[in-house]
């Protein structure tokens, strides 16, 4: 495990910024999620039709700071670097300090998709993982059917890509998941 990372953190490429959550994010974060439920609920179970402001408040005020303190997950909001408006969220979870790995995830509000936001945020987040957390590998696990997500990660030119099958009883044995692996040389 590395030494705890000091917060707040803000990383930017001049167009988008990823930063640690603030208490003032609750309402704009909630609005971004509400706008995007139809698109992202298919892939992210926490985003559901009855998503409530209290869920956004709990995430922002309690869950995210606790996970940072535990050094188990690192979540950020994605914002427009000029206006500061919330564009989505991204994070590293399933941090494995023994193997120095983590999983990377993201979502972008519907009105800002297909504009390079997820790719830019993923690049910034991966740099954070490799430089600040000293990770050796970052994986992105996504459904083959989540074509926009697959495109985002392919733009980062990951070193490895493998198809795996879901082991649930409903799966017919067909590979339905792609795991992309990023290494420091892919990003830095």
Protein backbone atom coordinates (compact mmCIF):
# COMPACT_ATOMS: atom_id res chain seq x y z
CA UNK A 1 0.00 0.00 0.00
CA UNK A 2 1.27 3.48 -0.79
CA UNK A 3 1.12 6.42 1.58
CA UNK A 4 -2.34 8.02 1.65
CA UNK A 5 -2.90 10.45 -1.21
CA UNK A 6 -3.56 14.00 -0.05
CA UNK A 7 -6.93 15.40 -1.12
CA UNK A 8 -8.35 17.47 -2.70
CA UNK A 9 -6.96 16.46 -6.07
CA UNK A 10 -7.59 18.11 -9.40
CA UNK A 11 -6.12 16.90 -12.70
CA UNK A 12 -6.81 18.59 -16.03
CA UNK A 13 -5.91 18.45 -19.69
CA UNK A 14 -7.27 21.96 -20.28
CA UNK A 15 -10.58 20.69 -21.67
CA UNK A 16 -11.82 18.41 -18.92
CA UNK A 17 -10.89 18.10 -15.27
CA UNK A 18 -11.22 15.21 -12.88
CA UNK A 19 -11.34 16.23 -9.24
CA UNK A 20 -12.32 14.91 -5.86
CA UNK A 21 -15.93 15.37 -4.85
CA UNK A 22 -17.08 18.49 -2.99
CA UNK A 23 -20.15 18.94 -0.80
CA UNK A 24 -21.50 21.41 -3.36
CA UNK A 25 -21.54 18.62 -5.99
CA UNK A 26 -24.62 16.84 -4.63
CA UNK A 27 -27.29 18.62 -6.71
CA UNK A 28 -25.35 18.98 -9.98
CA UNK A 29 -24.16 15.36 -9.69
CA UNK A 30 -27.74 14.22 -9.12
CA UNK A 31 -28.90 16.21 -12.17
CA UNK A 32 -26.20 14.63 -14.35
CA UNK A 33 -27.24 11.14 -13.22
CA UNK A 34 -30.94 11.92 -13.76
CA UNK A 35 -30.24 13.08 -17.32
CA UNK A 36 -28.41 9.83 -18.07
CA UNK A 37 -30.43 7.05 -16.43
CA UNK A 38 -31.80 5.62 -19.69
CA UNK A 39 -28.32 5.19 -21.16
CA UNK A 40 -26.14 4.21 -18.23
CA UNK A 41 -28.52 2.11 -16.13
CA UNK A 42 -28.01 -0.79 -18.57
CA UNK A 43 -24.35 -1.00 -17.58
CA UNK A 44 -24.14 0.44 -14.06
CA UNK A 45 -26.54 -1.06 -11.49
CA UNK A 46 -26.27 1.86 -9.04
CA UNK A 47 -27.92 4.08 -11.68
CA UNK A 48 -31.60 3.14 -11.59
CA UNK A 49 -34.95 4.71 -12.40
CA UNK A 50 -35.60 5.67 -8.77
CA UNK A 51 -32.15 7.18 -8.14
CA UNK A 52 -32.75 9.78 -5.43
CA UNK A 53 -31.00 12.92 -4.28
CA UNK A 54 -30.20 11.14 -1.00
CA UNK A 55 -28.17 8.57 -2.91
CA UNK A 56 -26.14 11.36 -4.49
CA UNK A 57 -25.73 13.02 -1.09
CA UNK A 58 -24.62 9.78 0.60
CA UNK A 59 -22.16 9.03 -2.25
CA UNK A 60 -20.64 12.51 -2.20
CA UNK A 61 -20.57 13.20 1.54
CA UNK A 62 -19.98 9.77 3.07
CA UNK A 63 -19.10 6.93 0.71
CA UNK A 64 -16.41 8.57 -1.44
CA UNK A 65 -14.43 10.09 1.48
CA UNK A 66 -14.58 6.78 3.39
CA UNK A 67 -13.30 4.80 0.40
CA UNK A 68 -10.42 7.28 -0.09
CA UNK A 69 -9.53 7.01 3.61
CA UNK A 70 -9.58 3.20 3.39
CA UNK A 71 -7.43 3.39 0.22
CA UNK A 72 -9.78 0.90 -1.43
CA UNK A 73 -11.39 3.09 -4.14
CA UNK A 74 -10.66 6.50 -5.65
CA UNK A 75 -13.61 8.31 -7.24
CA UNK A 76 -13.69 11.66 -9.04
CA UNK A 77 -16.22 13.88 -10.75
CA UNK A 78 -15.50 14.79 -14.35
CA UNK A 79 -16.02 18.49 -15.03
CA UNK A 80 -15.73 20.91 -17.91
CA UNK A 81 -12.38 22.66 -17.35
CA UNK A 82 -13.83 26.05 -18.37
CA UNK A 83 -17.34 26.09 -16.88
CA UNK A 84 -16.88 23.63 -14.02
CA UNK A 85 -20.13 21.84 -14.91
CA UNK A 86 -20.30 18.17 -13.98
CA UNK A 87 -19.94 15.89 -16.99
CA UNK A 88 -19.88 12.52 -15.21
CA UNK A 89 -17.80 10.44 -12.87
CA UNK A 90 -14.82 8.10 -12.95
CA UNK A 91 -12.87 6.04 -10.51
CA UNK A 92 -10.48 3.28 -9.65
CA UNK A 93 -11.95 0.43 -7.65
CA UNK A 94 -11.05 -3.13 -6.69
CA UNK A 95 -7.62 -1.79 -5.76
CA UNK A 96 -5.32 -4.71 -5.04
CA UNK A 97 -2.27 -3.43 -3.20
CA UNK A 98 -0.52 -6.82 -3.23
CA UNK A 99 -0.54 -7.03 -7.05
CA UNK A 100 -0.67 -3.24 -7.53
CA UNK A 101 -3.73 -3.37 -9.79
CA UNK A 102 -7.12 -1.70 -9.99
CA UNK A 103 -10.18 -1.50 -12.23
CA UNK A 104 -11.06 1.75 -13.99
CA UNK A 105 -14.63 2.86 -14.62
CA UNK A 106 -16.44 5.94 -15.91
CA UNK A 107 -19.75 7.37 -17.01
CA UNK A 108 -20.57 10.54 -18.90
CA UNK A 109 -23.84 12.48 -18.84
CA UNK A 110 -25.93 11.94 -21.96
CA UNK A 111 -25.64 15.49 -23.31
CA UNK A 112 -21.81 15.25 -23.32
CA UNK A 113 -21.25 11.78 -24.81
CA UNK A 114 -19.33 11.32 -28.07
CA UNK A 115 -17.17 14.38 -27.32
CA UNK A 116 -14.02 12.67 -26.00
CA UNK A 117 -14.90 13.24 -22.33
CA UNK A 118 -14.63 9.59 -21.22
CA UNK A 119 -11.36 9.06 -23.09
CA UNK A 120 -9.77 12.19 -21.63
CA UNK A 121 -11.00 11.39 -18.12
CA UNK A 122 -9.76 7.79 -18.39
CA UNK A 123 -6.34 8.99 -19.48
CA UNK A 124 -6.11 11.41 -16.52
CA UNK A 125 -7.37 8.75 -14.12
CA UNK A 126 -4.89 6.15 -15.38
CA UNK A 127 -2.04 8.65 -14.96
CA UNK A 128 -3.20 9.24 -11.38
CA UNK A 129 -3.20 5.47 -10.77
CA UNK A 130 0.25 4.93 -12.23
CA UNK A 131 1.95 8.06 -10.91
CA UNK A 132 0.33 8.68 -7.51
CA UNK A 133 -0.74 5.16 -6.49
CA UNK A 134 2.20 3.40 -8.17
CA UNK A 135 -0.09 0.78 -9.76
CA UNK A 136 1.45 -1.63 -12.25
CA UNK A 137 -1.73 -2.52 -14.18
CA UNK A 138 -5.17 -0.96 -14.57
CA UNK A 139 -7.98 -3.03 -16.06
CA UNK A 140 -11.17 -1.89 -17.72
CA UNK A 141 -13.86 -4.58 -17.74
CA UNK A 142 -16.83 -3.99 -20.00
CA UNK A 143 -19.53 -5.83 -21.87
CA UNK A 144 -18.86 -6.52 -25.55
CA UNK A 145 -22.29 -4.98 -26.15
CA UNK A 146 -21.22 -1.68 -24.56
CA UNK A 147 -19.75 -0.43 -27.84
CA UNK A 148 -19.19 3.19 -26.70
CA UNK A 149 -17.18 1.99 -23.70
CA UNK A 150 -15.12 -0.37 -25.86
CA UNK A 151 -14.32 2.53 -28.23
CA UNK A 152 -13.21 4.74 -25.34
CA UNK A 153 -10.65 2.27 -24.07
CA UNK A 154 -9.41 1.28 -27.52
CA UNK A 155 -8.47 4.96 -28.03
CA UNK A 156 -6.05 4.60 -25.10
CA UNK A 157 -4.20 1.80 -26.97
CA UNK A 158 -4.12 -0.76 -24.16
CA UNK A 159 -1.32 -3.32 -24.24
CA UNK A 160 -3.65 -6.24 -23.67
CA UNK A 161 -7.22 -7.12 -24.58
CA UNK A 162 -8.95 -10.41 -23.86
CA UNK A 163 -12.49 -11.70 -24.16
CA UNK A 164 -13.90 -13.64 -21.25
CA UNK A 165 -17.25 -15.23 -20.56
CA UNK A 166 -19.61 -14.42 -17.76
CA UNK A 167 -19.94 -17.48 -15.55
CA UNK A 168 -23.57 -16.84 -14.68
CA UNK A 169 -26.01 -19.69 -15.33
CA UNK A 170 -27.75 -17.62 -18.02
CA UNK A 171 -24.63 -17.41 -20.19
CA UNK A 172 -24.41 -19.82 -23.10
CA UNK A 173 -20.61 -19.96 -22.93
CA UNK A 174 -20.05 -17.16 -25.43
CA UNK A 175 -17.44 -14.58 -24.47
CA UNK A 176 -19.44 -11.48 -23.56
CA UNK A 177 -16.94 -9.40 -21.63
CA UNK A 178 -13.75 -7.66 -22.68
CA UNK A 179 -10.92 -6.93 -20.27
CA UNK A 180 -8.51 -4.23 -21.41
CA UNK A 181 -5.25 -3.93 -19.49
CA UNK A 182 -3.34 -0.67 -19.34
CA UNK A 183 0.27 -0.48 -18.20
CA UNK A 184 2.33 2.62 -17.36
CA UNK A 185 4.00 2.66 -20.78
CA UNK A 186 0.54 2.88 -22.41
CA UNK A 187 -0.25 6.20 -20.70
CA UNK A 188 2.93 7.86 -19.48
